[in-house]
Amino acid sequence: QVQLVESGGGLVQAGGSLRLSCAASGMISAINNMGWYRQAPGKQRELVAVITRSGISNYADSVKGRFTISRDSAKSTMYLQMNSLKPEDTAVYYCNAVLSGTFINYWGKGILVTVSS
């Protein structure tokens, strides 16, 4: 089992920045890829960014150049630095972890990010 807890969300004005954190516990050594997803009101959950165990990252086109995903294995924590935030970034952000060699996914409960115009 893996437990994921997000933190760092909140209300920010357009153009501002926030940093989300995801603390992992449990079978940490079994985690391969980790990622951030988001779900805006009335929309489907979408991928924001993913990062492999070796640190290779990939981003949704909508956040490229503005968001940075990182991972601190020693602290079992993943981060999402969000800069130049836009109102359309408003969503509940979810942390995701995938176990190595499997399709088993774990999810955090989500954290709300609200960007005001």
Protein backbone atom coordinates (compact mmCIF):
# COMPACT_ATOMS: atom_id res chain seq x y z
CA GLN A 1 0.00 0.00 0.00
CA VAL A 2 1.03 3.56 -0.66
CA GLN A 3 -0.45 6.61 1.02
CA LEU A 4 -0.23 10.01 -0.67
CA VAL A 5 -0.99 13.34 0.98
CA GLU A 6 -1.08 16.61 -0.94
CA SER A 7 -0.43 20.04 0.55
CA GLY A 8 0.26 23.60 -0.58
CA GLY A 9 -2.93 24.48 -2.40
CA GLY A 10 -4.99 27.60 -1.89
CA LEU A 11 -6.11 30.85 -3.46
CA VAL A 12 -3.76 32.92 -5.60
CA GLN A 13 -4.15 35.77 -8.04
CA ALA A 14 -3.50 35.29 -11.74
CA GLY A 15 0.21 35.55 -12.46
CA GLY A 16 1.12 34.27 -9.03
CA SER A 17 2.85 31.08 -7.91
CA LEU A 18 2.15 28.09 -5.70
CA ARG A 19 4.09 24.97 -4.84
CA LEU A 20 2.26 21.74 -4.26
CA SER A 21 3.79 18.89 -2.29
CA CYS A 22 2.91 15.21 -2.21
CA ALA A 23 4.23 13.17 0.69
CA ALA A 24 4.35 9.43 0.09
CA SER A 25 4.45 6.73 2.74
CA GLY A 26 4.16 2.97 2.83
CA MET A 27 5.74 0.91 0.04
CA ILE A 28 7.84 3.84 -1.16
CA SER A 29 10.60 1.71 -2.65
CA ALA A 30 8.07 0.08 -4.98
CA ILE A 31 6.98 3.37 -6.57
CA ASN A 32 8.05 3.98 -10.16
CA ASN A 33 6.35 6.90 -11.86
CA MET A 34 4.66 9.71 -9.96
CA GLY A 35 2.53 12.45 -11.34
CA TRP A 36 0.11 15.30 -10.84
CA TYR A 37 -3.36 15.31 -12.30
CA ARG A 38 -6.12 17.89 -12.02
CA GLN A 39 -9.86 18.06 -12.37
CA ALA A 40 -11.67 21.31 -12.98
CA PRO A 41 -15.40 21.67 -12.24
CA GLY A 42 -17.44 19.90 -14.89
CA LYS A 43 -14.39 18.47 -16.61
CA GLN A 44 -12.58 15.15 -16.67
CA ARG A 45 -9.42 14.56 -14.72
CA GLU A 46 -6.37 15.36 -16.83
CA LEU A 47 -2.65 14.78 -16.64
CA VAL A 48 -0.56 17.78 -15.61
CA ALA A 49 2.93 16.32 -15.29
CA VAL A 50 4.68 13.04 -14.62
CA ILE A 51 8.15 12.14 -13.43
CA THR A 52 9.95 8.81 -13.49
CA ARG A 53 12.07 7.34 -10.72
CA SER A 54 15.15 8.50 -12.66
CA GLY A 55 13.84 12.04 -12.92
CA ILE A 56 12.60 12.18 -16.51
CA SER A 57 9.58 14.46 -16.68
CA ASN A 58 6.80 15.19 -19.11
CA TYR A 59 4.16 17.91 -19.12
CA ALA A 60 0.79 18.71 -20.57
CA ASP A 61 1.07 21.33 -23.29
CA SER A 62 -1.09 23.70 -21.27
CA VAL A 63 1.47 23.95 -18.45
CA LYS A 64 4.80 23.63 -20.29
CA GLY A 65 7.14 26.44 -19.39
CA ARG A 66 5.08 27.40 -16.35
CA PHE A 67 5.03 24.30 -14.12
CA THR A 68 7.96 22.23 -12.91
CA ILE A 69 7.65 18.75 -11.40
CA SER A 70 10.36 17.40 -9.14
CA ARG A 71 10.91 14.51 -6.82
CA ASP A 72 12.98 14.13 -3.68
CA SER A 73 13.50 10.42 -3.13
CA ALA A 74 15.21 10.96 0.23
CA LYS A 75 12.13 12.74 1.54
CA SER A 76 9.69 10.56 -0.41
CA THR A 77 8.11 13.75 -1.65
CA MET A 78 7.07 15.07 -5.03
CA TYR A 79 6.57 18.72 -5.85
CA LEU A 80 4.83 20.82 -8.44
CA GLN A 81 6.07 24.38 -8.76
CA MET A 82 3.39 26.39 -10.52
CA ASN A 83 4.29 29.81 -11.88
CA SER A 84 2.39 32.33 -13.99
CA LEU A 85 -0.86 30.81 -12.85
CA LYS A 86 -3.98 31.41 -14.90
CA PRO A 87 -7.67 31.21 -13.93
CA GLU A 88 -7.95 28.12 -16.12
CA ASP A 89 -5.49 26.36 -13.80
CA THR A 90 -8.20 26.36 -11.15
CA ALA A 91 -8.88 22.72 -10.24
CA VAL A 92 -8.48 20.03 -7.64
CA TYR A 93 -4.95 18.67 -8.02
CA TYR A 94 -4.27 15.01 -7.32
CA CYS A 95 -1.03 13.21 -6.61
CA ASN A 96 -0.57 9.84 -8.30
CA ALA A 97 1.93 7.01 -7.87
CA VAL A 98 2.37 3.84 -9.92
CA LEU A 99 4.04 0.74 -8.58
CA SER A 100 6.99 -0.62 -10.55
CA GLY A 101 6.15 -3.38 -12.99
CA THR A 102 2.41 -2.99 -12.46
CA PHE A 103 -0.54 -0.86 -13.46
CA ILE A 104 -1.46 -0.36 -9.81
CA ASN A 105 -2.17 3.32 -9.16
CA TYR A 106 -2.51 5.15 -5.89
CA TRP A 107 -4.15 8.54 -5.51
CA GLY A 108 -4.14 11.29 -2.94
CA LYS A 109 -7.39 12.88 -1.83
CA GLY A 110 -6.69 16.00 -3.84
CA ILE A 111 -6.11 19.63 -3.01
CA LEU A 112 -7.88 22.70 -4.34
CA VAL A 113 -6.03 25.38 -6.27
CA THR A 114 -8.04 28.50 -7.09
CA VAL A 115 -6.63 31.20 -9.35
CA SER A 116 -8.55 34.46 -9.34
CA SER A 117 -8.55 36.86 -12.27
